[in-house]
mmCIF file of all heavy atoms, coordinates in Angstrom:
data_MODEL
# 
_entry.id   MODEL 
# 
loop_
_atom_site.group_PDB 
_atom_site.id 
_atom_site.type_symbol 
_atom_site.label_atom_id 
_atom_site.label_alt_id 
_atom_site.label_comp_id 
_atom_site.label_asym_id 
_atom_site.label_entity_id 
_atom_site.label_seq_id 
_atom_site.pdbx_PDB_ins_code 
_atom_site.Cartn_x 
_atom_site.Cartn_y 
_atom_site.Cartn_z 
_atom_site.occupancy 
_atom_site.B_iso_or_equiv 
_atom_site.pdbx_formal_charge 
_atom_site.auth_seq_id 
_atom_site.auth_comp_id 
_atom_site.auth_asym_id 
_atom_site.auth_atom_id 
_atom_site.pdbx_PDB_model_num 
ATOM 1   N N   . PRO A 1 1  ? 29.013  1.442   21.002 1.00 0.00 ? 1  PRO A N   1 
ATOM 2   C CA  . PRO A 1 1  ? 29.229  0.142   21.636 1.00 0.00 ? 1  PRO A CA  1 
ATOM 3   C C   . PRO A 1 1  ? 28.012  -0.749  21.417 1.00 0.00 ? 1  PRO A C   1 
ATOM 4   O O   . PRO A 1 1  ? 26.901  -0.247  21.212 1.00 0.00 ? 1  PRO A O   1 
ATOM 5   C CB  . PRO A 1 1  ? 29.390  0.499   23.124 1.00 0.00 ? 1  PRO A CB  1 
ATOM 6   C CG  . PRO A 1 1  ? 29.673  1.961   23.156 1.00 0.00 ? 1  PRO A CG  1 
ATOM 7   C CD  . PRO A 1 1  ? 29.001  2.540   21.959 1.00 0.00 ? 1  PRO A CD  1 
ATOM 8   N N   . PRO A 1 2  ? 28.188  -2.055  21.466 1.00 0.00 ? 2  PRO A N   1 
ATOM 9   C CA  . PRO A 1 2  ? 27.055  -2.938  21.191 1.00 0.00 ? 2  PRO A CA  1 
ATOM 10  C C   . PRO A 1 2  ? 25.893  -2.732  22.133 1.00 0.00 ? 2  PRO A C   1 
ATOM 11  O O   . PRO A 1 2  ? 24.748  -2.837  21.748 1.00 0.00 ? 2  PRO A O   1 
ATOM 12  C CB  . PRO A 1 2  ? 27.664  -4.341  21.344 1.00 0.00 ? 2  PRO A CB  1 
ATOM 13  C CG  . PRO A 1 2  ? 28.901  -4.146  22.149 1.00 0.00 ? 2  PRO A CG  1 
ATOM 14  C CD  . PRO A 1 2  ? 29.422  -2.794  21.769 1.00 0.00 ? 2  PRO A CD  1 
ATOM 15  N N   . GLY A 1 3  ? 26.177  -2.429  23.395 1.00 0.00 ? 3  GLY A N   1 
ATOM 16  C CA  . GLY A 1 3  ? 25.105  -2.237  24.350 1.00 0.00 ? 3  GLY A CA  1 
ATOM 17  C C   . GLY A 1 3  ? 24.296  -0.985  24.110 1.00 0.00 ? 3  GLY A C   1 
ATOM 18  O O   . GLY A 1 3  ? 23.233  -0.811  24.689 1.00 0.00 ? 3  GLY A O   1 
ATOM 19  N N   . ASP A 1 4  ? 24.793  -0.046  23.258 1.00 0.00 ? 4  ASP A N   1 
ATOM 20  C CA  . ASP A 1 4  ? 24.071  1.180   22.969 1.00 0.00 ? 4  ASP A CA  1 
ATOM 21  C C   . ASP A 1 4  ? 23.222  1.067   21.718 1.00 0.00 ? 4  ASP A C   1 
ATOM 22  O O   . ASP A 1 4  ? 22.479  1.968   21.377 1.00 0.00 ? 4  ASP A O   1 
ATOM 23  C CB  . ASP A 1 4  ? 25.055  2.344   22.791 1.00 0.00 ? 4  ASP A CB  1 
ATOM 24  C CG  . ASP A 1 4  ? 25.719  2.715   24.106 1.00 0.00 ? 4  ASP A CG  1 
ATOM 25  O OD1 . ASP A 1 4  ? 25.183  2.320   25.153 1.00 0.00 ? 4  ASP A OD1 1 
ATOM 26  O OD2 . ASP A 1 4  ? 26.748  3.384   24.074 1.00 0.00 ? 4  ASP A OD2 1 
ATOM 27  N N   . ARG A 1 5  ? 23.367  -0.019  20.974 1.00 0.00 ? 5  ARG A N   1 
ATOM 28  C CA  . ARG A 1 5  ? 22.568  -0.178  19.761 1.00 0.00 ? 5  ARG A CA  1 
ATOM 29  C C   . ARG A 1 5  ? 21.158  -0.606  20.125 1.00 0.00 ? 5  ARG A C   1 
ATOM 30  O O   . ARG A 1 5  ? 20.983  -1.535  20.913 1.00 0.00 ? 5  ARG A O   1 
ATOM 31  C CB  . ARG A 1 5  ? 23.209  -1.214  18.839 1.00 0.00 ? 5  ARG A CB  1 
ATOM 32  C CG  . ARG A 1 5  ? 24.573  -0.779  18.325 1.00 0.00 ? 5  ARG A CG  1 
ATOM 33  C CD  . ARG A 1 5  ? 25.163  -1.812  17.390 1.00 0.00 ? 5  ARG A CD  1 
ATOM 34  N NE  . ARG A 1 5  ? 26.469  -1.412  16.952 1.00 0.00 ? 5  ARG A NE  1 
ATOM 35  C CZ  . ARG A 1 5  ? 27.586  -2.098  17.159 1.00 0.00 ? 5  ARG A CZ  1 
ATOM 36  N NH1 . ARG A 1 5  ? 27.538  -3.237  17.811 1.00 0.00 ? 5  ARG A NH1 1 
ATOM 37  N NH2 . ARG A 1 5  ? 28.740  -1.657  16.722 1.00 0.00 ? 5  ARG A NH2 1 
ATOM 38  N N   . PRO A 1 6  ? 20.153  0.056   19.553 1.00 0.00 ? 6  PRO A N   1 
ATOM 39  C CA  . PRO A 1 6  ? 18.790  -0.368  19.871 1.00 0.00 ? 6  PRO A CA  1 
ATOM 40  C C   . PRO A 1 6  ? 18.508  -1.752  19.313 1.00 0.00 ? 6  PRO A C   1 
ATOM 41  O O   . PRO A 1 6  ? 19.074  -2.143  18.293 1.00 0.00 ? 6  PRO A O   1 
ATOM 42  C CB  . PRO A 1 6  ? 17.920  0.695   19.168 1.00 0.00 ? 6  PRO A CB  1 
ATOM 43  C CG  . PRO A 1 6  ? 18.780  1.245   18.074 1.00 0.00 ? 6  PRO A CG  1 
ATOM 44  C CD  . PRO A 1 6  ? 20.201  1.169   18.591 1.00 0.00 ? 6  PRO A CD  1 
ATOM 45  N N   . PRO A 1 7  ? 17.651  -2.520  19.973 1.00 0.00 ? 7  PRO A N   1 
ATOM 46  C CA  . PRO A 1 7  ? 17.355  -3.860  19.463 1.00 0.00 ? 7  PRO A CA  1 
ATOM 47  C C   . PRO A 1 7  ? 16.670  -3.810  18.116 1.00 0.00 ? 7  PRO A C   1 
ATOM 48  O O   . PRO A 1 7  ? 15.907  -2.895  17.811 1.00 0.00 ? 7  PRO A O   1 
ATOM 49  C CB  . PRO A 1 7  ? 16.426  -4.437  20.539 1.00 0.00 ? 7  PRO A CB  1 
ATOM 50  C CG  . PRO A 1 7  ? 15.845  -3.235  21.221 1.00 0.00 ? 7  PRO A CG  1 
ATOM 51  C CD  . PRO A 1 7  ? 16.908  -2.186  21.187 1.00 0.00 ? 7  PRO A CD  1 
ATOM 52  N N   . MET A 1 8  ? 16.934  -4.817  17.268 1.00 0.00 ? 8  MET A N   1 
ATOM 53  C CA  . MET A 1 8  ? 16.327  -4.864  15.948 1.00 0.00 ? 8  MET A CA  1 
ATOM 54  C C   . MET A 1 8  ? 14.834  -5.143  16.062 1.00 0.00 ? 8  MET A C   1 
ATOM 55  O O   . MET A 1 8  ? 14.402  -5.966  16.856 1.00 0.00 ? 8  MET A O   1 
ATOM 56  C CB  . MET A 1 8  ? 17.013  -5.939  15.091 1.00 0.00 ? 8  MET A CB  1 
ATOM 57  C CG  . MET A 1 8  ? 16.636  -5.894  13.628 1.00 0.00 ? 8  MET A CG  1 
ATOM 58  S SD  . MET A 1 8  ? 17.665  -7.047  12.653 1.00 0.00 ? 8  MET A SD  1 
ATOM 59  C CE  . MET A 1 8  ? 19.278  -6.285  12.859 1.00 0.00 ? 8  MET A CE  1 
ATOM 60  N N   . LEU A 1 9  ? 14.064  -4.428  15.266 1.00 0.00 ? 9  LEU A N   1 
ATOM 61  C CA  . LEU A 1 9  ? 12.613  -4.599  15.307 1.00 0.00 ? 9  LEU A CA  1 
ATOM 62  C C   . LEU A 1 9  ? 12.194  -5.837  14.538 1.00 0.00 ? 9  LEU A C   1 
ATOM 63  O O   . LEU A 1 9  ? 12.536  -6.008  13.376 1.00 0.00 ? 9  LEU A O   1 
ATOM 64  C CB  . LEU A 1 9  ? 11.925  -3.369  14.691 1.00 0.00 ? 9  LEU A CB  1 
ATOM 65  C CG  . LEU A 1 9  ? 11.845  -2.114  15.550 1.00 0.00 ? 9  LEU A CG  1 
ATOM 66  C CD1 . LEU A 1 9  ? 11.292  -0.960  14.725 1.00 0.00 ? 9  LEU A CD1 1 
ATOM 67  C CD2 . LEU A 1 9  ? 10.985  -2.342  16.778 1.00 0.00 ? 9  LEU A CD2 1 
ATOM 68  N N   . ARG A 1 10 ? 11.459  -6.706  15.189 1.00 0.00 ? 10 ARG A N   1 
ATOM 69  C CA  . ARG A 1 10 ? 10.860  -7.864  14.538 1.00 0.00 ? 10 ARG A CA  1 
ATOM 70  C C   . ARG A 1 10 ? 9.344   -7.737  14.486 1.00 0.00 ? 10 ARG A C   1 
ATOM 71  O O   . ARG A 1 10 ? 8.701   -8.342  13.633 1.00 0.00 ? 10 ARG A O   1 
ATOM 72  C CB  . ARG A 1 10 ? 11.234  -9.142  15.295 1.00 0.00 ? 10 ARG A CB  1 
ATOM 73  C CG  . ARG A 1 10 ? 12.728  -9.413  15.357 1.00 0.00 ? 10 ARG A CG  1 
ATOM 74  C CD  . ARG A 1 10 ? 13.315  -9.629  13.975 1.00 0.00 ? 10 ARG A CD  1 
ATOM 75  N NE  . ARG A 1 10 ? 14.723  -9.983  14.050 1.00 0.00 ? 10 ARG A NE  1 
ATOM 76  C CZ  . ARG A 1 10 ? 15.528  -10.057 12.992 1.00 0.00 ? 10 ARG A CZ  1 
ATOM 77  N NH1 . ARG A 1 10 ? 15.052  -9.800  11.786 1.00 0.00 ? 10 ARG A NH1 1 
ATOM 78  N NH2 . ARG A 1 10 ? 16.794  -10.385 13.138 1.00 0.00 ? 10 ARG A NH2 1 
ATOM 79  N N   . TRP A 1 11 ? 8.791   -6.959  15.429 1.00 0.00 ? 11 TRP A N   1 
ATOM 80  C CA  . TRP A 1 11 ? 7.346   -6.777  15.528 1.00 0.00 ? 11 TRP A CA  1 
ATOM 81  C C   . TRP A 1 11 ? 7.049   -5.310  15.781 1.00 0.00 ? 11 TRP A C   1 
ATOM 82  O O   . TRP A 1 11 ? 7.836   -4.606  16.401 1.00 0.00 ? 11 TRP A O   1 
ATOM 83  C CB  . TRP A 1 11 ? 6.760   -7.615  16.669 1.00 0.00 ? 11 TRP A CB  1 
ATOM 84  C CG  . TRP A 1 11 ? 7.048   -9.077  16.546 1.00 0.00 ? 11 TRP A CG  1 
ATOM 85  C CD1 . TRP A 1 11 ? 8.146   -9.741  17.020 1.00 0.00 ? 11 TRP A CD1 1 
ATOM 86  C CD2 . TRP A 1 11 ? 6.250   -10.053 15.877 1.00 0.00 ? 11 TRP A CD2 1 
ATOM 87  N NE1 . TRP A 1 11 ? 8.083   -11.062 16.692 1.00 0.00 ? 11 TRP A NE1 1 
ATOM 88  C CE2 . TRP A 1 11 ? 6.919   -11.296 15.996 1.00 0.00 ? 11 TRP A CE2 1 
ATOM 89  C CE3 . TRP A 1 11 ? 5.025   -10.010 15.209 1.00 0.00 ? 11 TRP A CE3 1 
ATOM 90  C CZ2 . TRP A 1 11 ? 6.407   -12.466 15.462 1.00 0.00 ? 11 TRP A CZ2 1 
ATOM 91  C CZ3 . TRP A 1 11 ? 4.512   -11.177 14.686 1.00 0.00 ? 11 TRP A CZ3 1 
ATOM 92  C CH2 . TRP A 1 11 ? 5.196   -12.396 14.812 1.00 0.00 ? 11 TRP A CH2 1 
ATOM 93  N N   . LEU A 1 12 ? 5.881   -4.861  15.305 1.00 0.00 ? 12 LEU A N   1 
ATOM 94  C CA  . LEU A 1 12 ? 5.425   -3.501  15.541 1.00 0.00 ? 12 LEU A CA  1 
ATOM 95  C C   . LEU A 1 12 ? 3.992   -3.535  16.043 1.00 0.00 ? 12 LEU A C   1 
ATOM 96  O O   . LEU A 1 12 ? 3.197   -4.368  15.611 1.00 0.00 ? 12 LEU A O   1 
ATOM 97  C CB  . LEU A 1 12 ? 5.477   -2.675  14.247 1.00 0.00 ? 12 LEU A CB  1 
ATOM 98  C CG  . LEU A 1 12 ? 6.859   -2.307  13.715 1.00 0.00 ? 12 LEU A CG  1 
ATOM 99  C CD1 . LEU A 1 12 ? 6.761   -1.870  12.262 1.00 0.00 ? 12 LEU A CD1 1 
ATOM 100 C CD2 . LEU A 1 12 ? 7.479   -1.203  14.551 1.00 0.00 ? 12 LEU A CD2 1 
ATOM 101 N N   . GLN A 1 13 ? 3.668   -2.619  16.950 1.00 0.00 ? 13 GLN A N   1 
ATOM 102 C CA  . GLN A 1 13 ? 2.279   -2.424  17.347 1.00 0.00 ? 13 GLN A CA  1 
ATOM 103 C C   . GLN A 1 13 ? 1.776   -1.174  16.652 1.00 0.00 ? 13 GLN A C   1 
ATOM 104 O O   . GLN A 1 13 ? 2.368   -0.102  16.791 1.00 0.00 ? 13 GLN A O   1 
ATOM 105 C CB  . GLN A 1 13 ? 2.165   -2.274  18.868 1.00 0.00 ? 13 GLN A CB  1 
ATOM 106 C CG  . GLN A 1 13 ? 2.535   -3.530  19.627 1.00 0.00 ? 13 GLN A CG  1 
ATOM 107 C CD  . GLN A 1 13 ? 2.240   -3.393  21.105 1.00 0.00 ? 13 GLN A CD  1 
ATOM 108 O OE1 . GLN A 1 13 ? 1.177   -2.934  21.494 1.00 0.00 ? 13 GLN A OE1 1 
ATOM 109 N NE2 . GLN A 1 13 ? 3.203   -3.799  21.930 1.00 0.00 ? 13 GLN A NE2 1 
ATOM 110 N N   . ALA A 1 14 ? 0.706   -1.305  15.890 1.00 0.00 ? 14 ALA A N   1 
ATOM 111 C CA  . ALA A 1 14 ? 0.222   -0.207  15.060 1.00 0.00 ? 14 ALA A CA  1 
ATOM 112 C C   . ALA A 1 14 ? -1.285  -0.084  15.158 1.00 0.00 ? 14 ALA A C   1 
ATOM 113 O O   . ALA A 1 14 ? -2.002  -1.079  15.331 1.00 0.00 ? 14 ALA A O   1 
ATOM 114 C CB  . ALA A 1 14 ? 0.631   -0.435  13.602 1.00 0.00 ? 14 ALA A CB  1 
ATOM 115 N N   . GLY A 1 15 ? -1.765  1.163   15.048 1.00 0.00 ? 15 GLY A N   1 
ATOM 116 C CA  . GLY A 1 15 ? -3.200  1.406   15.074 1.00 0.00 ? 15 GLY A CA  1 
ATOM 117 C C   . GLY A 1 15 ? -3.832  1.168   13.715 1.00 0.00 ? 15 GLY A C   1 
ATOM 118 O O   . GLY A 1 15 ? -3.369  1.708   12.702 1.00 0.00 ? 15 GLY A O   1 
ATOM 119 N N   . VAL A 1 16 ? -4.870  0.342   13.687 1.00 0.00 ? 16 VAL A N   1 
ATOM 120 C CA  . VAL A 1 16 ? -5.655  0.096   12.479 1.00 0.00 ? 16 VAL A CA  1 
ATOM 121 C C   . VAL A 1 16 ? -7.118  0.332   12.851 1.00 0.00 ? 16 VAL A C   1 
ATOM 122 O O   . VAL A 1 16 ? -7.732  -0.488  13.548 1.00 0.00 ? 16 VAL A O   1 
ATOM 123 C CB  . VAL A 1 16 ? -5.460  -1.344  11.953 1.00 0.00 ? 16 VAL A CB  1 
ATOM 124 C CG1 . VAL A 1 16 ? -6.268  -1.557  10.678 1.00 0.00 ? 16 VAL A CG1 1 
ATOM 125 C CG2 . VAL A 1 16 ? -3.980  -1.628  11.697 1.00 0.00 ? 16 VAL A CG2 1 
ATOM 126 N N   . ARG A 1 17 ? -7.649  1.493   12.441 1.00 0.00 ? 17 ARG A N   1 
ATOM 127 C CA  . ARG A 1 17 ? -8.978  1.921   12.847 1.00 0.00 ? 17 ARG A CA  1 
ATOM 128 C C   . ARG A 1 17 ? -9.098  1.902   14.374 1.00 0.00 ? 17 ARG A C   1 
ATOM 129 O O   . ARG A 1 17 ? -8.359  2.604   15.040 1.00 0.00 ? 17 ARG A O   1 
ATOM 130 C CB  . ARG A 1 17 ? -10.049 1.071   12.147 1.00 0.00 ? 17 ARG A CB  1 
ATOM 131 C CG  . ARG A 1 17 ? -10.066 1.272   10.626 1.00 0.00 ? 17 ARG A CG  1 
ATOM 132 C CD  . ARG A 1 17 ? -11.179 0.504   9.960  1.00 0.00 ? 17 ARG A CD  1 
ATOM 133 N NE  . ARG A 1 17 ? -10.978 -0.944  10.056 1.00 0.00 ? 17 ARG A NE  1 
ATOM 134 C CZ  . ARG A 1 17 ? -10.183 -1.626  9.234  1.00 0.00 ? 17 ARG A CZ  1 
ATOM 135 N NH1 . ARG A 1 17 ? -9.532  -1.008  8.273  1.00 0.00 ? 17 ARG A NH1 1 
ATOM 136 N NH2 . ARG A 1 17 ? -10.038 -2.939  9.358  1.00 0.00 ? 17 ARG A NH2 1 
ATOM 137 N N   . ASP A 1 18 ? -10.003 1.104   14.945 1.00 0.00 ? 18 ASP A N   1 
ATOM 138 C CA  . ASP A 1 18 ? -10.176 1.094   16.401 1.00 0.00 ? 18 ASP A CA  1 
ATOM 139 C C   . ASP A 1 18 ? -9.451  -0.067  17.060 1.00 0.00 ? 18 ASP A C   1 
ATOM 140 O O   . ASP A 1 18 ? -9.785  -0.480  18.169 1.00 0.00 ? 18 ASP A O   1 
ATOM 141 C CB  . ASP A 1 18 ? -11.666 1.058   16.747 1.00 0.00 ? 18 ASP A CB  1 
ATOM 142 C CG  . ASP A 1 18 ? -12.364 -0.178  16.184 1.00 0.00 ? 18 ASP A CG  1 
ATOM 143 O OD1 . ASP A 1 18 ? -11.765 -0.842  15.317 1.00 0.00 ? 18 ASP A OD1 1 
ATOM 144 O OD2 . ASP A 1 18 ? -13.494 -0.463  16.626 1.00 0.00 ? 18 ASP A OD2 1 
ATOM 145 N N   . GLN A 1 19 ? -8.437  -0.613  16.373 1.00 0.00 ? 19 GLN A N   1 
ATOM 146 C CA  . GLN A 1 19 ? -7.709  -1.755  16.897 1.00 0.00 ? 19 GLN A CA  1 
ATOM 147 C C   . GLN A 1 19 ? -6.220  -1.446  16.994 1.00 0.00 ? 19 GLN A C   1 
ATOM 148 O O   . GLN A 1 19 ? -5.719  -0.523  16.360 1.00 0.00 ? 19 GLN A O   1 
ATOM 149 C CB  . GLN A 1 19 ? -7.890  -2.985  15.985 1.00 0.00 ? 19 GLN A CB  1 
ATOM 150 C CG  . GLN A 1 19 ? -9.326  -3.441  15.807 1.00 0.00 ? 19 GLN A CG  1 
ATOM 151 C CD  . GLN A 1 19 ? -9.415  -4.581  14.807 1.00 0.00 ? 19 GLN A CD  1 
ATOM 152 O OE1 . GLN A 1 19 ? -8.626  -4.671  13.864 1.00 0.00 ? 19 GLN A OE1 1 
ATOM 153 N NE2 . GLN A 1 19 ? -10.374 -5.470  15.018 1.00 0.00 ? 19 GLN A NE2 1 
ATOM 154 N N   . VAL A 1 20 ? -5.558  -2.227  17.809 1.00 0.00 ? 20 VAL A N   1 
ATOM 155 C CA  . VAL A 1 20 ? -4.089  -2.228  17.817 1.00 0.00 ? 20 VAL A CA  1 
ATOM 156 C C   . VAL A 1 20 ? -3.653  -3.583  17.296 1.00 0.00 ? 20 VAL A C   1 
ATOM 157 O O   . VAL A 1 20 ? -4.021  -4.624  17.854 1.00 0.00 ? 20 VAL A O   1 
ATOM 158 C CB  . VAL A 1 20 ? -3.528  -1.987  19.235 1.00 0.00 ? 20 VAL A CB  1 
ATOM 159 C CG1 . VAL A 1 20 ? -2.004  -2.123  19.215 1.00 0.00 ? 20 VAL A CG1 1 
ATOM 160 C CG2 . VAL A 1 20 ? -3.921  -0.615  19.747 1.00 0.00 ? 20 VAL A CG2 1 
ATOM 161 N N   . ARG A 1 21 ? -2.914  -3.571  16.207 1.00 0.00 ? 21 ARG A N   1 
ATOM 162 C CA  . ARG A 1 21 ? -2.470  -4.830  15.606 1.00 0.00 ? 21 ARG A CA  1 
ATOM 163 C C   . ARG A 1 21 ? -0.990  -5.037  15.893 1.00 0.00 ? 21 ARG A C   1 
ATOM 164 O O   . ARG A 1 21 ? -0.200  -4.087  15.923 1.00 0.00 ? 21 ARG A O   1 
ATOM 165 C CB  . ARG A 1 21 ? -2.695  -4.822  14.091 1.00 0.00 ? 21 ARG A CB  1 
ATOM 166 C CG  . ARG A 1 21 ? -4.142  -4.729  13.695 1.00 0.00 ? 21 ARG A CG  1 
ATOM 167 C CD  . ARG A 1 21 ? -4.347  -4.995  12.229 1.00 0.00 ? 21 ARG A CD  1 
ATOM 168 N NE  . ARG A 1 21 ? -4.087  -6.388  11.868 1.00 0.00 ? 21 ARG A NE  1 
ATOM 169 C CZ  . ARG A 1 21 ? -4.572  -6.965  10.775 1.00 0.00 ? 21 ARG A CZ  1 
ATOM 170 N NH1 . ARG A 1 21 ? -5.343  -6.287  9.944  1.00 0.00 ? 21 ARG A NH1 1 
ATOM 171 N NH2 . ARG A 1 21 ? -4.288  -8.215  10.499 1.00 0.00 ? 21 ARG A NH2 1 
ATOM 172 N N   . VAL A 1 22 ? -0.628  -6.294  16.098 1.00 0.00 ? 22 VAL A N   1 
ATOM 173 C CA  . VAL A 1 22 ? 0.783   -6.671  16.229 1.00 0.00 ? 22 VAL A CA  1 
ATOM 174 C C   . VAL A 1 22 ? 1.217   -7.203  14.867 1.00 0.00 ? 22 VAL A C   1 
ATOM 175 O O   . VAL A 1 22 ? 0.688   -8.202  14.377 1.00 0.00 ? 22 VAL A O   1 
ATOM 176 C CB  . VAL A 1 22 ? 0.982   -7.731  17.325 1.00 0.00 ? 22 VAL A CB  1 
ATOM 177 C CG1 . VAL A 1 22 ? 2.452   -8.133  17.405 1.00 0.00 ? 22 VAL A CG1 1 
ATOM 178 C CG2 . VAL A 1 22 ? 0.494   -7.199  18.670 1.00 0.00 ? 22 VAL A CG2 1 
ATOM 179 N N   . ILE A 1 23 ? 2.180   -6.513  14.253 1.00 0.00 ? 23 ILE A N   1 
ATOM 180 C CA  . ILE A 1 23 ? 2.543   -6.777  12.855 1.00 0.00 ? 23 ILE A CA  1 
ATOM 181 C C   . ILE A 1 23 ? 4.006   -7.186  12.784 1.00 0.00 ? 23 ILE A C   1 
ATOM 182 O O   . ILE A 1 23 ? 4.890   -6.495  13.308 1.00 0.00 ? 23 ILE A O   1 
ATOM 183 C CB  . ILE A 1 23 ? 2.313   -5.523  11.988 1.00 0.00 ? 23 ILE A CB  1 
ATOM 184 C CG1 . ILE A 1 23 ? 0.845   -5.071  12.098 1.00 0.00 ? 23 ILE A CG1 1 
ATOM 185 C CG2 . ILE A 1 23 ? 2.708   -5.770  10.543 1.00 0.00 ? 23 ILE A CG2 1 
ATOM 186 C CD1 . ILE A 1 23 ? 0.597   -3.685  11.552 1.00 0.00 ? 23 ILE A CD1 1 
ATOM 187 N N   . ALA A 1 24 ? 4.274   -8.298  12.132 1.00 0.00 ? 24 ALA A N   1 
ATOM 188 C CA  . ALA A 1 24 ? 5.663   -8.703  11.890 1.00 0.00 ? 24 ALA A CA  1 
ATOM 189 C C   . ALA A 1 24 ? 6.271   -7.773  10.847 1.00 0.00 ? 24 ALA A C   1 
ATOM 190 O O   . ALA A 1 24 ? 5.654   -7.492  9.815  1.00 0.00 ? 24 ALA A O   1 
ATOM 191 C CB  . ALA A 1 24 ? 5.702   -10.145 11.395 1.00 0.00 ? 24 ALA A CB  1 
ATOM 192 N N   . THR A 1 25 ? 7.461   -7.270  11.104 1.00 0.00 ? 25 THR A N   1 
ATOM 193 C CA  . THR A 1 25 ? 8.081   -6.365  10.132 1.00 0.00 ? 25 THR A CA  1 
ATOM 194 C C   . THR A 1 25 ? 8.252   -7.042  8.773  1.00 0.00 ? 25 THR A C   1 
ATOM 195 O O   . THR A 1 25 ? 8.183   -6.388  7.731  1.00 0.00 ? 25 THR A O   1 
ATOM 196 C CB  . THR A 1 25 ? 9.448   -5.867  10.638 1.00 0.00 ? 25 THR A CB  1 
ATOM 197 O OG1 . THR A 1 25 ? 10.269  -6.988  10.978 1.00 0.00 ? 25 THR A OG1 1 
ATOM 198 C CG2 . THR A 1 25 ? 9.286   -4.966  11.846 1.00 0.00 ? 25 THR A CG2 1 
ATOM 199 N N   . ALA A 1 26 ? 8.440   -8.362  8.764  1.00 0.00 ? 26 ALA A N   1 
ATOM 200 C CA  . ALA A 1 26 ? 8.605   -9.088  7.500  1.00 0.00 ? 26 ALA A CA  1 
ATOM 201 C C   . ALA A 1 26 ? 7.366   -8.998  6.624  1.00 0.00 ? 26 ALA A C   1 
ATOM 202 O O   . ALA A 1 26 ? 7.451   -9.200  5.405  1.00 0.00 ? 26 ALA A O   1 
ATOM 203 C CB  . ALA A 1 26 ? 8.949   -10.548 7.771  1.00 0.00 ? 26 ALA A CB  1 
ATOM 204 N N   . ASP A 1 27 ? 6.192   -8.688  7.223  1.00 0.00 ? 27 ASP A N   1 
ATOM 205 C CA  . ASP A 1 27 ? 4.945   -8.589  6.455  1.00 0.00 ? 27 ASP A CA  1 
ATOM 206 C C   . ASP A 1 27 ? 4.723   -7.206  5.866  1.00 0.00 ? 27 ASP A C   1 
ATOM 207 O O   . ASP A 1 27 ? 3.762   -6.993  5.124  1.00 0.00 ? 27 ASP A O   1 
ATOM 208 C CB  . ASP A 1 27 ? 3.752   -8.954  7.343  1.00 0.00 ? 27 ASP A CB  1 
ATOM 209 C CG  . ASP A 1 27 ? 3.742   -10.423 7.734  1.00 0.00 ? 27 ASP A CG  1 
ATOM 210 O OD1 . ASP A 1 27 ? 4.380   -11.231 7.022  1.00 0.00 ? 27 ASP A OD1 1 
ATOM 211 O OD2 . ASP A 1 27 ? 3.105   -10.756 8.749  1.00 0.00 ? 27 ASP A OD2 1 
ATOM 212 N N   . VAL A 1 28 ? 5.582   -6.256  6.209  1.00 0.00 ? 28 VAL A N   1 
ATOM 213 C CA  . VAL A 1 28 ? 5.421   -4.885  5.709  1.00 0.00 ? 28 VAL A CA  1 
ATOM 214 C C   . VAL A 1 28 ? 6.003   -4.781  4.303  1.00 0.00 ? 28 VAL A C   1 
ATOM 215 O O   . VAL A 1 28 ? 7.148   -5.194  4.064  1.00 0.00 ? 28 VAL A O   1 
ATOM 216 C CB  . VAL A 1 28 ? 6.106   -3.878  6.655  1.00 0.00 ? 28 VAL A CB  1 
ATOM 217 C CG1 . VAL A 1 28 ? 5.980   -2.460  6.097  1.00 0.00 ? 28 VAL A CG1 1 
ATOM 218 C CG2 . VAL A 1 28 ? 5.511   -3.964  8.055  1.00 0.00 ? 28 VAL A CG2 1 
ATOM 219 N N   . VAL A 1 29 ? 5.216   -4.230  3.386  1.00 0.00 ? 29 VAL A N   1 
ATOM 220 C CA  . VAL A 1 29 ? 5.688   -4.030  2.009  1.00 0.00 ? 29 VAL A CA  1 
ATOM 221 C C   . VAL A 1 29 ? 6.591   -2.808  1.943  1.00 0.00 ? 29 VAL A C   1 
ATOM 222 O O   . VAL A 1 29 ? 7.684   -2.854  1.392  1.00 0.00 ? 29 VAL A O   1 
ATOM 223 C CB  . VAL A 1 29 ? 4.505   -3.882  1.035  1.00 0.00 ? 29 VAL A CB  1 
ATOM 224 C CG1 . VAL A 1 29 ? 5.003   -3.598  -0.385 1.00 0.00 ? 29 VAL A CG1 1 
ATOM 225 C CG2 . VAL A 1 29 ? 3.633   -5.130  1.061  1.00 0.00 ? 29 VAL A CG2 1 
# 
């Protein structure tokens, strides 16, 4: 059902060395 589908990812929080970066999925190669 539509309510059971997880929301589409537009942004990701990812660890980069000692930081947490907010990354747009469109920027991922």
